[in-house]
């Protein structure tokens, strides 16, 4: 049977079933866009690319998102908000500063494992100079995420669990592990994202832990 490649329109109609169809279409567009932004970058992805893969017209795409920046921002803000909430909840389940740092890294790895395209799309903008302009909400969420780690590192230093190092530098070292990981790690490889991050943590902590930490 020949595949139907006719492009469809998402013009709004009355009725709850149609509203659900429109929401399903929006979710589909976001999933396609995340994958393309992750593999081709913001500059390398056009609205035409997204529309063609979704088999809709550009006019139908504009019904959901007025421009590429709005689509990208929607993806990043939703992803960052989910990440912050997930990591914060995971850190809240442990008490010691060292455990909080470890949980930040491992819960971030778990999120990355399940949302790799979203993670890479966000990383492209913040770390690799994509021309998309992050808005205030997205920047605030990123800062909130990084502050979770920085505060935990500082607590570990203040309680003499970690050596006396600059908490910002130590935090950036740990964040670099997470941000670079999708560039080389294969999700089908021998080790899961969590297992790789666990090994990084073990190696890094050997350099951060004080000789006789006070627990």
N, C-alpha and C. Protein backbone atom coordinates (compact mmCIF):
# COMPACT_ATOMS: atom_id res chain seq x y z
N UNK A 1 0.84 -1.19 0.00
CA UNK A 1 0.00 0.00 0.00
C UNK A 1 0.88 1.24 0.00
N UNK A 2 0.58 2.20 -0.87
CA UNK A 2 1.40 3.40 -0.98
C UNK A 2 1.11 4.34 0.18
N UNK A 3 2.17 4.87 0.78
CA UNK A 3 2.02 5.76 1.92
C UNK A 3 1.42 7.08 1.49
N UNK A 4 0.45 7.57 2.24
CA UNK A 4 -0.19 8.84 1.94
C UNK A 4 0.71 9.97 2.42
N UNK A 5 1.19 10.75 1.49
CA UNK A 5 2.10 11.85 1.83
C UNK A 5 1.43 13.21 1.69
N UNK A 6 0.10 13.23 1.61
CA UNK A 6 -0.61 14.50 1.48
C UNK A 6 -0.43 15.32 2.74
N UNK A 7 -0.02 16.57 2.59
CA UNK A 7 0.17 17.43 3.75
C UNK A 7 -1.17 17.91 4.25
N UNK A 8 -1.31 17.93 5.55
CA UNK A 8 -2.59 18.26 6.16
C UNK A 8 -2.56 19.63 6.79
N UNK A 9 -3.73 20.14 7.09
CA UNK A 9 -3.87 21.43 7.76
C UNK A 9 -4.36 21.21 9.18
N UNK A 10 -3.93 22.06 10.09
CA UNK A 10 -4.36 21.96 11.48
C UNK A 10 -5.27 23.11 11.84
N UNK A 11 -6.00 23.64 10.89
CA UNK A 11 -6.90 24.75 11.18
C UNK A 11 -7.89 24.32 12.26
N UNK A 12 -8.16 25.16 13.26
CA UNK A 12 -9.02 24.77 14.38
C UNK A 12 -10.44 24.53 13.95
N UNK A 13 -11.08 23.54 14.55
CA UNK A 13 -12.48 23.25 14.34
C UNK A 13 -13.13 23.11 15.71
N UNK A 14 -14.46 23.03 15.75
CA UNK A 14 -15.17 22.92 17.00
C UNK A 14 -15.16 21.47 17.48
N UNK A 15 -15.33 21.30 18.82
CA UNK A 15 -15.44 19.94 19.35
C UNK A 15 -14.22 19.53 20.12
N UNK A 16 -14.42 18.76 21.20
CA UNK A 16 -13.32 18.34 22.05
C UNK A 16 -12.37 17.40 21.32
N UNK A 17 -12.92 16.55 20.42
CA UNK A 17 -12.05 15.62 19.70
C UNK A 17 -11.07 16.35 18.83
N UNK A 18 -11.48 17.47 18.26
CA UNK A 18 -10.58 18.25 17.42
C UNK A 18 -9.52 18.92 18.27
N UNK A 19 -9.92 19.43 19.46
CA UNK A 19 -8.93 20.05 20.34
C UNK A 19 -7.87 19.05 20.73
N UNK A 20 -8.27 17.82 20.97
CA UNK A 20 -7.30 16.79 21.30
C UNK A 20 -6.39 16.52 20.12
N UNK A 21 -6.95 16.51 18.91
CA UNK A 21 -6.13 16.29 17.72
C UNK A 21 -5.09 17.38 17.57
N UNK A 22 -5.47 18.62 17.83
CA UNK A 22 -4.54 19.74 17.72
C UNK A 22 -3.43 19.60 18.75
N UNK A 23 -3.78 19.20 19.98
CA UNK A 23 -2.76 19.01 21.00
C UNK A 23 -1.81 17.87 20.64
N UNK A 24 -2.36 16.80 20.07
CA UNK A 24 -1.51 15.70 19.63
C UNK A 24 -0.55 16.15 18.55
N UNK A 25 -1.05 16.98 17.64
CA UNK A 25 -0.19 17.50 16.56
C UNK A 25 0.91 18.37 17.13
N UNK A 26 0.59 19.20 18.12
CA UNK A 26 1.60 20.07 18.72
C UNK A 26 2.69 19.24 19.39
N UNK A 27 2.28 18.18 20.09
CA UNK A 27 3.26 17.31 20.74
C UNK A 27 4.14 16.62 19.70
N UNK A 28 3.53 16.21 18.58
CA UNK A 28 4.31 15.58 17.51
C UNK A 28 5.34 16.55 16.95
N UNK A 29 4.94 17.79 16.74
CA UNK A 29 5.85 18.80 16.19
C UNK A 29 7.02 19.04 17.14
N UNK A 30 6.74 19.09 18.43
CA UNK A 30 7.80 19.30 19.42
C UNK A 30 8.79 18.14 19.40
N UNK A 31 8.29 16.91 19.31
CA UNK A 31 9.17 15.74 19.27
C UNK A 31 10.05 15.76 18.03
N UNK A 32 9.47 16.09 16.88
CA UNK A 32 10.25 16.18 15.64
C UNK A 32 11.29 17.28 15.75
N UNK A 33 10.86 18.44 16.23
CA UNK A 33 11.76 19.59 16.34
C UNK A 33 12.91 19.29 17.29
N UNK A 34 12.63 18.64 18.42
CA UNK A 34 13.69 18.30 19.38
C UNK A 34 14.76 17.44 18.71
N UNK A 35 14.31 16.45 17.96
CA UNK A 35 15.26 15.55 17.31
C UNK A 35 16.09 16.29 16.27
N UNK A 36 15.46 17.15 15.47
CA UNK A 36 16.19 17.88 14.44
C UNK A 36 17.13 18.93 15.05
N UNK A 37 16.67 19.63 16.08
CA UNK A 37 17.53 20.60 16.74
C UNK A 37 18.74 19.91 17.37
N UNK A 38 18.53 18.70 17.91
CA UNK A 38 19.62 17.97 18.54
C UNK A 38 20.64 17.49 17.52
N UNK A 39 20.18 17.05 16.35
CA UNK A 39 21.09 16.48 15.36
C UNK A 39 21.67 17.53 14.40
N UNK A 40 20.88 18.55 14.08
CA UNK A 40 21.31 19.54 13.08
C UNK A 40 21.58 20.91 13.65
N UNK A 41 21.22 21.12 14.93
CA UNK A 41 21.40 22.43 15.54
C UNK A 41 20.29 23.39 15.17
N UNK A 42 20.25 24.52 15.87
CA UNK A 42 19.21 25.52 15.61
C UNK A 42 19.36 26.10 14.22
N UNK A 43 20.58 26.49 13.85
CA UNK A 43 20.80 27.12 12.56
C UNK A 43 20.58 26.14 11.40
N UNK A 44 20.86 24.87 11.63
CA UNK A 44 20.74 23.88 10.56
C UNK A 44 19.35 23.33 10.37
N UNK A 45 18.42 23.72 11.24
CA UNK A 45 17.04 23.22 11.16
C UNK A 45 16.11 24.35 10.73
N UNK A 46 15.33 24.11 9.72
CA UNK A 46 14.36 25.10 9.25
C UNK A 46 12.96 24.65 9.60
N UNK A 47 12.03 25.60 9.61
CA UNK A 47 10.63 25.25 9.82
C UNK A 47 10.13 24.34 8.70
N UNK A 48 10.67 24.53 7.51
CA UNK A 48 10.29 23.66 6.39
C UNK A 48 10.69 22.21 6.68
N UNK A 49 11.89 22.02 7.27
CA UNK A 49 12.32 20.66 7.64
C UNK A 49 11.31 20.00 8.57
N UNK A 50 10.89 20.76 9.59
CA UNK A 50 9.95 20.23 10.58
C UNK A 50 8.60 19.94 9.95
N UNK A 51 8.12 20.89 9.14
CA UNK A 51 6.82 20.71 8.50
C UNK A 51 6.82 19.52 7.55
N UNK A 52 7.89 19.36 6.79
CA UNK A 52 7.95 18.25 5.84
C UNK A 52 7.96 16.91 6.56
N UNK A 53 8.70 16.82 7.66
CA UNK A 53 8.74 15.54 8.38
C UNK A 53 7.39 15.23 9.03
N UNK A 54 6.68 16.28 9.45
CA UNK A 54 5.36 16.09 10.05
C UNK A 54 4.27 15.94 8.99
N UNK A 55 4.65 16.16 7.72
CA UNK A 55 3.70 16.07 6.61
C UNK A 55 2.55 17.05 6.75
N UNK A 56 2.92 18.28 7.09
CA UNK A 56 1.94 19.36 7.14
C UNK A 56 2.51 20.55 6.39
N UNK A 57 1.69 21.54 6.13
CA UNK A 57 2.16 22.75 5.47
C UNK A 57 2.85 23.66 6.47
N UNK A 58 3.65 24.60 5.96
CA UNK A 58 4.26 25.58 6.86
C UNK A 58 3.19 26.43 7.52
N UNK A 59 2.10 26.69 6.79
CA UNK A 59 1.01 27.48 7.37
C UNK A 59 0.43 26.76 8.58
N UNK A 60 0.31 25.45 8.50
CA UNK A 60 -0.21 24.69 9.63
C UNK A 60 0.76 24.74 10.80
N UNK A 61 2.05 24.73 10.51
CA UNK A 61 3.06 24.82 11.56
C UNK A 61 2.98 26.19 12.24
N UNK A 62 2.76 27.24 11.45
CA UNK A 62 2.65 28.58 12.02
C UNK A 62 1.44 28.70 12.94
N UNK A 63 0.43 27.88 12.73
CA UNK A 63 -0.74 27.91 13.61
C UNK A 63 -0.34 27.54 15.03
N UNK A 64 0.61 26.63 15.18
CA UNK A 64 1.06 26.20 16.50
C UNK A 64 2.19 27.08 17.04
N UNK A 65 3.12 27.47 16.18
CA UNK A 65 4.29 28.24 16.59
C UNK A 65 4.54 29.34 15.57
N UNK A 66 4.57 30.61 16.00
CA UNK A 66 4.72 31.72 15.05
C UNK A 66 6.07 31.78 14.35
N UNK A 67 7.10 31.20 14.97
CA UNK A 67 8.43 31.22 14.35
C UNK A 67 9.31 30.15 15.00
N UNK A 68 10.50 29.99 14.46
CA UNK A 68 11.39 28.94 14.96
C UNK A 68 11.87 29.23 16.38
N UNK A 69 12.10 30.48 16.69
CA UNK A 69 12.55 30.82 18.04
C UNK A 69 11.52 30.44 19.09
N UNK A 70 10.23 30.67 18.77
CA UNK A 70 9.16 30.33 19.71
C UNK A 70 9.10 28.82 19.94
N UNK A 71 9.30 28.06 18.88
CA UNK A 71 9.29 26.60 19.00
C UNK A 71 10.48 26.12 19.83
N UNK A 72 11.65 26.67 19.55
CA UNK A 72 12.86 26.29 20.29
C UNK A 72 12.73 26.65 21.76
N UNK A 73 12.22 27.85 22.02
CA UNK A 73 12.07 28.31 23.40
C UNK A 73 11.09 27.44 24.16
N UNK A 74 10.01 27.04 23.51
CA UNK A 74 9.02 26.17 24.16
C UNK A 74 9.66 24.85 24.57
N UNK A 75 10.47 24.30 23.70
CA UNK A 75 11.16 23.04 23.99
C UNK A 75 12.11 23.21 25.18
N UNK A 76 12.90 24.27 25.15
CA UNK A 76 13.92 24.46 26.17
C UNK A 76 13.32 24.78 27.54
N UNK A 77 12.32 25.65 27.56
CA UNK A 77 11.72 26.03 28.84
C UNK A 77 11.04 24.83 29.49
N UNK A 78 10.26 24.09 28.71
CA UNK A 78 9.60 22.91 29.27
C UNK A 78 10.62 21.89 29.75
N UNK A 79 11.69 21.69 28.97
CA UNK A 79 12.72 20.73 29.35
C UNK A 79 13.46 21.15 30.60
N UNK A 80 13.84 22.43 30.69
CA UNK A 80 14.58 22.91 31.85
C UNK A 80 13.72 22.87 33.10
N UNK A 81 12.44 23.23 32.98
CA UNK A 81 11.56 23.21 34.14
C UNK A 81 11.41 21.78 34.66
N UNK A 82 11.23 20.84 33.76
CA UNK A 82 11.11 19.43 34.17
C UNK A 82 12.39 18.94 34.81
N UNK A 83 13.54 19.31 34.23
CA UNK A 83 14.83 18.90 34.77
C UNK A 83 15.04 19.45 36.18
N UNK A 84 14.79 20.73 36.37
CA UNK A 84 14.98 21.35 37.69
C UNK A 84 14.10 20.67 38.73
N UNK A 85 12.85 20.44 38.41
CA UNK A 85 11.93 19.81 39.36
C UNK A 85 12.37 18.38 39.69
N UNK A 86 12.80 17.66 38.68
CA UNK A 86 13.20 16.27 38.87
C UNK A 86 14.45 16.16 39.74
N UNK A 87 15.46 16.97 39.41
CA UNK A 87 16.71 16.92 40.16
C UNK A 87 16.52 17.43 41.58
N UNK A 88 15.76 18.49 41.73
CA UNK A 88 15.52 19.04 43.07
C UNK A 88 14.81 18.02 43.96
N UNK A 89 13.84 17.31 43.41
CA UNK A 89 13.13 16.29 44.18
C UNK A 89 14.05 15.16 44.58
N UNK A 90 14.94 14.75 43.67
CA UNK A 90 15.89 13.67 43.97
C UNK A 90 16.86 14.08 45.06
N UNK A 91 17.35 15.32 44.99
CA UNK A 91 18.29 15.80 46.01
C UNK A 91 17.62 15.93 47.37
N UNK A 92 16.31 16.19 47.38
CA UNK A 92 15.60 16.34 48.63
C UNK A 92 15.44 15.05 49.40
N UNK A 93 15.74 13.92 48.78
CA UNK A 93 15.60 12.62 49.43
C UNK A 93 16.84 12.21 50.21
N UNK A 94 17.93 12.98 50.08
CA UNK A 94 19.16 12.67 50.81
C UNK A 94 19.53 13.87 51.68
N UNK A 95 20.41 13.64 52.64
CA UNK A 95 20.69 14.69 53.62
C UNK A 95 22.12 15.21 53.58
N UNK A 96 23.11 14.36 53.40
CA UNK A 96 24.50 14.82 53.47
C UNK A 96 24.87 15.61 52.21
N UNK A 97 25.76 16.61 52.34
CA UNK A 97 26.17 17.39 51.17
C UNK A 97 26.77 16.53 50.05
N UNK A 98 27.61 15.57 50.44
CA UNK A 98 28.21 14.70 49.43
C UNK A 98 27.13 13.92 48.68
N UNK A 99 26.14 13.41 49.40
CA UNK A 99 25.05 12.66 48.78
C UNK A 99 24.22 13.55 47.86
N UNK A 100 24.06 14.82 48.23
CA UNK A 100 23.30 15.74 47.40
C UNK A 100 24.02 16.00 46.07
N UNK A 101 25.35 16.17 46.14
CA UNK A 101 26.12 16.35 44.90
C UNK A 101 26.01 15.11 44.02
N UNK A 102 26.15 13.97 44.64
CA UNK A 102 26.07 12.71 43.89
C UNK A 102 24.68 12.55 43.26
N UNK A 103 23.64 12.89 44.03
CA UNK A 103 22.27 12.73 43.53
C UNK A 103 21.99 13.72 42.41
N UNK A 104 22.55 14.92 42.50
CA UNK A 104 22.42 15.88 41.40
C UNK A 104 22.93 15.28 40.11
N UNK A 105 24.11 14.70 40.16
CA UNK A 105 24.73 14.13 38.97
C UNK A 105 23.96 12.93 38.44
N UNK A 106 23.58 12.03 39.34
CA UNK A 106 22.92 10.79 38.91
C UNK A 106 21.50 11.04 38.41
N UNK A 107 20.77 11.92 39.07
CA UNK A 107 19.41 12.22 38.59
C UNK A 107 19.46 12.99 37.27
N UNK A 108 20.48 13.82 37.10
CA UNK A 108 20.66 14.50 35.80
C UNK A 108 20.95 13.47 34.71
N UNK A 109 21.75 12.48 35.05
CA UNK A 109 22.06 11.41 34.09
C UNK A 109 20.80 10.63 33.71
N UNK A 110 19.96 10.36 34.70
CA UNK A 110 18.71 9.64 34.44
C UNK A 110 17.81 10.46 33.52
N UNK A 111 17.73 11.78 33.77
CA UNK A 111 16.93 12.65 32.92
C UNK A 111 17.48 12.66 31.50
N UNK A 112 18.80 12.76 31.39
CA UNK A 112 19.44 12.77 30.08
C UNK A 112 19.14 11.50 29.31
N UNK A 113 19.17 10.37 30.01
CA UNK A 113 18.93 9.08 29.38
C UNK A 113 17.55 9.05 28.72
N UNK A 114 16.57 9.65 29.37
CA UNK A 114 15.20 9.60 28.87
C UNK A 114 14.85 10.76 27.94
N UNK A 115 15.64 11.82 27.99
CA UNK A 115 15.32 13.04 27.22
C UNK A 115 16.56 13.56 26.50
N UNK A 116 17.25 12.68 25.80
CA UNK A 116 18.53 13.04 25.20
C UNK A 116 18.42 14.17 24.19
N UNK A 117 17.41 14.11 23.32
CA UNK A 117 17.27 15.16 22.31
C UNK A 117 17.03 16.52 22.94
N UNK A 118 16.18 16.56 23.96
CA UNK A 118 15.91 17.82 24.65
C UNK A 118 17.18 18.35 25.32
N UNK A 119 17.94 17.45 25.94
CA UNK A 119 19.18 17.86 26.61
C UNK A 119 20.17 18.45 25.61
N UNK A 120 20.37 17.75 24.49
CA UNK A 120 21.34 18.21 23.49
C UNK A 120 20.90 19.53 22.88
N UNK A 121 19.60 19.69 22.60
CA UNK A 121 19.11 20.93 22.02
C UNK A 121 19.39 22.11 22.95
N UNK A 122 19.18 21.91 24.25
CA UNK A 122 19.47 22.97 25.22
C UNK A 122 20.96 23.23 25.35
N UNK A 123 21.74 22.17 25.35
CA UNK A 123 23.19 22.30 25.45
C UNK A 123 23.76 23.05 24.26
N UNK A 124 23.21 22.80 23.08
CA UNK A 124 23.69 23.49 21.88
C UNK A 124 23.60 25.00 22.03
N UNK A 125 22.49 25.47 22.59
CA UNK A 125 22.30 26.91 22.71
C UNK A 125 23.20 27.50 23.77
N UNK A 126 23.26 26.87 24.93
CA UNK A 126 23.99 27.47 26.05
C UNK A 126 25.50 27.32 25.94
N UNK A 127 25.97 26.24 25.29
CA UNK A 127 27.40 25.95 25.32
C UNK A 127 28.09 26.00 23.96
N UNK A 128 27.32 25.96 22.89
CA UNK A 128 27.95 25.88 21.58
C UNK A 128 27.54 26.99 20.63
N UNK A 129 26.98 28.07 21.17
CA UNK A 129 26.81 29.29 20.41
C UNK A 129 25.74 29.29 19.35
N UNK A 130 24.67 28.53 19.51
CA UNK A 130 23.57 28.63 18.56
C UNK A 130 23.02 30.05 18.58
N UNK A 131 22.46 30.47 17.45
CA UNK A 131 21.99 31.84 17.32
C UNK A 131 20.62 32.09 17.95
N UNK A 132 19.99 31.05 18.47
CA UNK A 132 18.74 31.26 19.19
C UNK A 132 19.02 32.08 20.44
N UNK A 133 18.13 33.01 20.75
CA UNK A 133 18.33 33.89 21.90
C UNK A 133 17.50 33.40 23.08
N UNK A 134 18.16 32.91 24.14
CA UNK A 134 17.41 32.44 25.30
C UNK A 134 16.67 33.58 25.98
N UNK A 135 15.44 33.35 26.39
CA UNK A 135 14.66 34.36 27.06
C UNK A 135 14.85 34.26 28.56
N UNK A 136 14.29 35.25 29.27
CA UNK A 136 14.54 35.38 30.70
C UNK A 136 14.16 34.12 31.46
N UNK A 137 13.01 33.52 31.14
CA UNK A 137 12.55 32.35 31.89
C UNK A 137 13.51 31.19 31.75
N UNK A 138 14.02 30.98 30.55
CA UNK A 138 14.93 29.87 30.32
C UNK A 138 16.26 30.08 31.03
N UNK A 139 16.76 31.30 30.99
CA UNK A 139 18.01 31.61 31.69
C UNK A 139 17.84 31.44 33.19
N UNK A 140 16.69 31.86 33.71
CA UNK A 140 16.45 31.73 35.15
C UNK A 140 16.40 30.26 35.57
N UNK A 141 15.80 29.43 34.75
CA UNK A 141 15.73 27.99 35.05
C UNK A 141 17.12 27.36 34.99
N UNK A 142 17.91 27.74 34.01
CA UNK A 142 19.27 27.21 33.94
C UNK A 142 20.07 27.60 35.17
N UNK A 143 19.94 28.87 35.58
CA UNK A 143 20.67 29.34 36.77
C UNK A 143 20.20 28.60 38.02
N UNK A 144 18.90 28.33 38.11
CA UNK A 144 18.35 27.60 39.26
C UNK A 144 18.91 26.18 39.30
N UNK A 145 19.02 25.55 38.13
CA UNK A 145 19.57 24.20 38.04
C UNK A 145 21.03 24.17 38.49
N UNK A 146 21.83 25.09 37.99
CA UNK A 146 23.24 25.12 38.35
C UNK A 146 23.44 25.47 39.82
N UNK A 147 22.56 26.31 40.36
CA UNK A 147 22.65 26.70 41.77
C UNK A 147 22.42 25.50 42.70
N UNK A 148 21.58 24.57 42.28
CA UNK A 148 21.37 23.36 43.09
C UNK A 148 22.70 22.65 43.32
N UNK A 149 23.50 22.53 42.29
CA UNK A 149 24.80 21.86 42.42
C UNK A 149 25.79 22.72 43.19
N UNK A 150 25.85 24.00 42.84
CA UNK A 150 26.84 24.88 43.47
C UNK A 150 26.61 24.97 44.98
N UNK A 151 25.35 25.06 45.41
CA UNK A 151 25.06 25.13 46.84
C UNK A 151 25.46 23.84 47.55
N UNK A 152 25.20 22.71 46.90
CA UNK A 152 25.56 21.42 47.52
C UNK A 152 27.08 21.28 47.62
N UNK A 153 27.80 21.70 46.60
CA UNK A 153 29.26 21.65 46.65
C UNK A 153 29.79 22.55 47.76
N UNK A 154 29.22 23.76 47.86
CA UNK A 154 29.66 24.69 48.90
C UNK A 154 29.40 24.10 50.30
N UNK A 155 28.27 23.46 50.49
CA UNK A 155 27.97 22.84 51.77
C UNK A 155 28.98 21.73 52.10
N UNK A 156 29.36 20.98 51.07
CA UNK A 156 30.35 19.92 51.28
C UNK A 156 31.71 20.49 51.64
N UNK A 157 32.06 21.63 51.07
CA UNK A 157 33.33 22.29 51.39
C UNK A 157 33.27 22.86 52.81
N UNK A 158 32.17 23.55 53.13
CA UNK A 158 32.03 24.17 54.45
C UNK A 158 32.03 23.13 55.57
N UNK A 159 31.50 21.95 55.29
CA UNK A 159 31.46 20.90 56.31
C UNK A 159 32.72 20.03 56.29
N UNK A 160 33.70 20.42 55.47
CA UNK A 160 35.00 19.75 55.37
C UNK A 160 34.90 18.33 54.80
N UNK A 161 33.83 18.05 54.09
CA UNK A 161 33.73 16.79 53.37
C UNK A 161 34.53 16.87 52.07
N UNK A 162 34.48 18.04 51.42
CA UNK A 162 35.31 18.30 50.26
C UNK A 162 36.48 19.19 50.66
N UNK A 163 37.55 19.12 49.90
CA UNK A 163 38.68 20.01 50.12
C UNK A 163 38.25 21.46 49.88
N UNK A 164 39.08 22.38 50.35
CA UNK A 164 38.80 23.80 50.17
C UNK A 164 39.15 24.21 48.74
N UNK A 165 38.17 24.09 47.87
CA UNK A 165 38.32 24.50 46.47
C UNK A 165 37.24 25.52 46.18
N UNK A 166 37.36 26.17 45.05
CA UNK A 166 36.36 27.15 44.63
C UNK A 166 35.09 26.39 44.23
N UNK A 167 33.96 26.62 44.90
CA UNK A 167 32.74 25.85 44.60
C UNK A 167 32.23 26.07 43.18
N UNK A 168 32.44 27.27 42.64
CA UNK A 168 31.99 27.53 41.27
C UNK A 168 32.79 26.72 40.27
N UNK A 169 34.12 26.68 40.47
CA UNK A 169 34.97 25.92 39.56
C UNK A 169 34.66 24.43 39.67
N UNK A 170 34.51 23.95 40.89
CA UNK A 170 34.18 22.53 41.08
C UNK A 170 32.84 22.19 40.43
N UNK A 171 31.88 23.08 40.56
CA UNK A 171 30.56 22.85 39.97
C UNK A 171 30.65 22.81 38.45
N UNK A 172 31.43 23.71 37.88
CA UNK A 172 31.56 23.74 36.42
C UNK A 172 32.27 22.49 35.91
N UNK A 173 33.20 21.97 36.66
CA UNK A 173 33.85 20.72 36.28
C UNK A 173 32.82 19.59 36.21
N UNK A 174 31.97 19.50 37.22
CA UNK A 174 30.95 18.46 37.26
C UNK A 174 29.91 18.66 36.15
N UNK A 175 29.52 19.90 35.90
CA UNK A 175 28.57 20.18 34.84
C UNK A 175 29.15 19.84 33.47
N UNK A 176 30.46 20.04 33.32
CA UNK A 176 31.10 19.71 32.04
C UNK A 176 30.98 18.22 31.73
N UNK A 177 31.05 17.39 32.76
CA UNK A 177 30.87 15.95 32.58
C UNK A 177 29.52 15.67 31.94
N UNK A 178 28.48 16.31 32.47
CA UNK A 178 27.13 16.09 31.97
C UNK A 178 26.94 16.65 30.57
N UNK A 179 27.44 17.86 30.36
CA UNK A 179 27.19 18.53 29.08
C UNK A 179 27.94 17.90 27.92
N UNK A 180 29.10 17.32 28.19
CA UNK A 180 29.88 16.72 27.12
C UNK A 180 29.49 15.26 26.85
N UNK A 181 28.84 14.64 27.81
CA UNK A 181 28.55 13.21 27.71
C UNK A 181 27.78 12.82 26.44
N UNK A 182 26.71 13.53 26.06
CA UNK A 182 25.98 13.12 24.86
C UNK A 182 26.79 13.22 23.58
N UNK A 183 27.92 13.94 23.63
CA UNK A 183 28.72 14.12 22.42
C UNK A 183 29.47 12.85 22.04
N UNK A 184 29.69 11.98 23.01
CA UNK A 184 30.45 10.77 22.69
C UNK A 184 29.77 9.48 23.16
N UNK A 185 28.91 9.57 24.15
CA UNK A 185 28.32 8.36 24.72
C UNK A 185 27.15 7.88 23.86
N UNK A 186 27.14 6.59 23.56
CA UNK A 186 26.05 5.99 22.80
C UNK A 186 25.03 5.39 23.74
N UNK A 187 23.75 5.70 23.55
CA UNK A 187 22.72 5.12 24.43
C UNK A 187 22.61 3.60 24.28
N UNK A 188 23.18 3.06 23.22
CA UNK A 188 23.17 1.60 23.03
C UNK A 188 24.50 0.97 23.41
N UNK A 189 25.37 1.73 24.05
CA UNK A 189 26.69 1.24 24.41
C UNK A 189 26.67 0.30 25.60
N UNK A 190 27.85 -0.12 26.00
CA UNK A 190 28.00 -1.10 27.08
C UNK A 190 27.52 -0.56 28.41
N UNK A 191 27.75 0.72 28.66
CA UNK A 191 27.37 1.35 29.92
C UNK A 191 26.23 2.34 29.70
N UNK A 192 25.30 2.38 30.63
CA UNK A 192 24.23 3.37 30.57
C UNK A 192 24.78 4.74 30.93
N UNK A 193 23.98 5.77 30.68
CA UNK A 193 24.39 7.13 31.06
C UNK A 193 24.66 7.21 32.55
N UNK A 194 23.81 6.61 33.35
CA UNK A 194 23.98 6.64 34.81
C UNK A 194 25.27 5.93 35.21
N UNK A 195 25.58 4.81 34.60
CA UNK A 195 26.80 4.07 34.95
C UNK A 195 28.05 4.86 34.60
N UNK A 196 28.02 5.56 33.47
CA UNK A 196 29.17 6.39 33.10
C UNK A 196 29.36 7.53 34.09
N UNK A 197 28.27 8.21 34.41
CA UNK A 197 28.35 9.32 35.36
C UNK A 197 28.79 8.83 36.74
N UNK A 198 28.33 7.65 37.13
CA UNK A 198 28.75 7.08 38.41
C UNK A 198 30.27 6.91 38.46
N UNK A 199 30.85 6.43 37.37
CA UNK A 199 32.30 6.26 37.34
C UNK A 199 33.01 7.61 37.38
N UNK A 200 32.49 8.59 36.67
CA UNK A 200 33.08 9.94 36.73
C UNK A 200 33.04 10.46 38.16
N UNK A 201 31.89 10.31 38.82
CA UNK A 201 31.77 10.80 40.19
C UNK A 201 32.80 10.14 41.09
N UNK A 202 32.94 8.83 40.99
CA UNK A 202 33.89 8.12 41.84
C UNK A 202 35.31 8.64 41.64
N UNK A 203 35.68 8.88 40.39
CA UNK A 203 37.04 9.37 40.10
C UNK A 203 37.22 10.80 40.57
N UNK A 204 36.21 11.64 40.32
CA UNK A 204 36.33 13.05 40.71
C UNK A 204 36.34 13.20 42.23
N UNK A 205 35.49 12.43 42.91
CA UNK A 205 35.43 12.55 44.36
C UNK A 205 36.74 12.14 45.02
N UNK A 206 37.50 11.27 44.42
CA UNK A 206 38.79 10.92 44.99
C UNK A 206 39.70 12.13 45.05
N UNK A 207 39.47 13.09 44.15
CA UNK A 207 40.27 14.31 44.17
C UNK A 207 39.67 15.41 45.02
N UNK A 208 38.35 15.33 45.29
CA UNK A 208 37.67 16.37 46.05
C UNK A 208 37.57 16.06 47.53
N UNK A 209 37.45 14.79 47.88
CA UNK A 209 37.24 14.45 49.27
C UNK A 209 38.46 14.80 50.12
N UNK A 210 38.20 15.32 51.28
CA UNK A 210 39.28 15.61 52.22
C UNK A 210 39.86 14.30 52.73
N UNK A 211 41.09 14.36 53.26
CA UNK A 211 41.76 13.15 53.73
C UNK A 211 40.99 12.48 54.85
N UNK A 212 40.49 13.30 55.79
CA UNK A 212 39.73 12.77 56.91
C UNK A 212 38.42 13.56 57.03
N UNK A 213 37.49 13.31 56.10
CA UNK A 213 36.26 14.11 56.08
C UNK A 213 35.44 13.91 57.35
N UNK A 214 34.83 15.01 57.78
CA UNK A 214 33.93 14.97 58.92
C UNK A 214 32.53 14.71 58.41
N UNK A 215 31.96 13.54 58.73
CA UNK A 215 30.66 13.15 58.20
C UNK A 215 29.58 13.58 59.18
